[in-house]
Amino acid sequence: MENSRLEAFEKMLSAVQDEYSGILSKMEMMKGQGKVKTVTYQQMMSRKLMYQNMISLYQIYGLIQKEEQGNVDMP
């Protein structure tokens, strides 16, 4: 049971990091196109902050190291 829980955590962590990276890429592309005032961009900003907070919680609880955060731009 414990092993499957760890696997589920690792899978979730990977999904969160992948989603966060994808959002950053899309936002950069939209920024380059001058679409920062669109509703879609604003929605992505909200999602980015949500995933950034999730990754911060992983770090706060010592579940990941700062290096494992990927390209999370933490303050």
Protein backbone atom coordinates (compact mmCIF):
# COMPACT_ATOMS: atom_id res chain seq x y z
CA MET A 1 0.00 0.00 0.00
CA GLU A 2 2.75 2.47 0.96
CA ASN A 3 4.58 1.85 -2.31
CA SER A 4 1.48 2.59 -4.41
CA ARG A 5 0.91 5.78 -2.42
CA LEU A 6 4.46 6.91 -3.15
CA GLU A 7 3.98 6.11 -6.83
CA ALA A 8 0.76 8.12 -6.88
CA PHE A 9 2.54 11.07 -5.25
CA GLU A 10 5.38 10.92 -7.78
CA LYS A 11 2.87 10.75 -10.63
CA MET A 12 0.95 13.75 -9.27
CA LEU A 13 4.12 15.77 -8.70
CA SER A 14 5.25 15.09 -12.25
CA ALA A 15 1.84 16.11 -13.63
CA VAL A 16 1.86 19.35 -11.63
CA GLN A 17 5.37 20.24 -12.78
CA ASP A 18 4.55 19.39 -16.42
CA GLU A 19 1.35 21.42 -16.35
CA TYR A 20 3.15 24.37 -14.79
CA SER A 21 5.87 24.26 -17.44
CA GLY A 22 3.26 24.04 -20.20
CA ILE A 23 1.41 27.05 -18.83
CA LEU A 24 4.64 29.07 -18.69
CA SER A 25 5.41 28.20 -22.32
CA LYS A 26 1.93 29.18 -23.50
CA MET A 27 2.07 32.42 -21.55
CA GLU A 28 5.45 33.32 -23.06
CA MET A 29 4.11 32.63 -26.55
CA MET A 30 1.03 34.78 -25.92
CA LYS A 31 3.18 37.52 -24.40
CA GLY A 32 5.28 37.54 -27.56
CA GLN A 33 2.09 37.96 -29.59
CA GLY A 34 0.97 40.88 -27.43
CA LYS A 35 -2.00 39.00 -26.00
CA VAL A 36 -1.41 39.69 -22.32
CA LYS A 37 -4.73 41.50 -21.90
CA THR A 38 -6.83 38.64 -23.21
CA VAL A 39 -9.14 36.58 -21.04
CA THR A 40 -7.24 33.43 -21.99
CA TYR A 41 -3.95 34.92 -20.78
CA GLN A 42 -5.56 36.01 -17.52
CA GLN A 43 -6.98 32.51 -17.01
CA MET A 44 -3.53 31.05 -17.60
CA MET A 45 -2.12 33.46 -15.05
CA SER A 46 -4.61 32.17 -12.49
CA ARG A 47 -3.71 28.56 -13.29
CA LYS A 48 -0.01 29.40 -13.11
CA LEU A 49 -0.44 30.84 -9.62
CA MET A 50 -2.43 27.81 -8.48
CA TYR A 51 0.24 25.36 -9.68
CA GLN A 52 2.99 27.59 -8.30
CA ASN A 53 1.31 27.44 -4.89
CA MET A 54 1.06 23.65 -5.09
CA ILE A 55 4.76 23.36 -5.88
CA SER A 56 5.53 25.75 -3.01
CA LEU A 57 3.63 23.49 -0.63
CA TYR A 58 5.67 20.50 -1.80
CA GLN A 59 8.81 22.47 -0.97
CA ILE A 60 7.53 23.77 2.40
CA TYR A 61 6.78 20.23 3.54
CA GLY A 62 10.17 19.00 2.36
CA LEU A 63 8.75 16.74 -0.34
CA ILE A 64 10.89 18.30 -3.05
CA GLN A 65 14.10 20.27 -3.07
CA LYS A 66 14.41 23.67 -4.69
CA GLU A 67 16.33 22.11 -7.62
CA GLU A 68 13.41 19.74 -8.29
CA GLN A 69 10.95 22.58 -8.80
CA GLY A 70 11.82 22.83 -12.43
CA ASN A 71 11.56 26.36 -13.71
CA VAL A 72 9.27 27.69 -11.03
CA ASP A 73 9.89 31.39 -10.63
CA MET A 74 9.51 31.77 -6.90
CA PRO A 75 10.01 35.15 -5.25
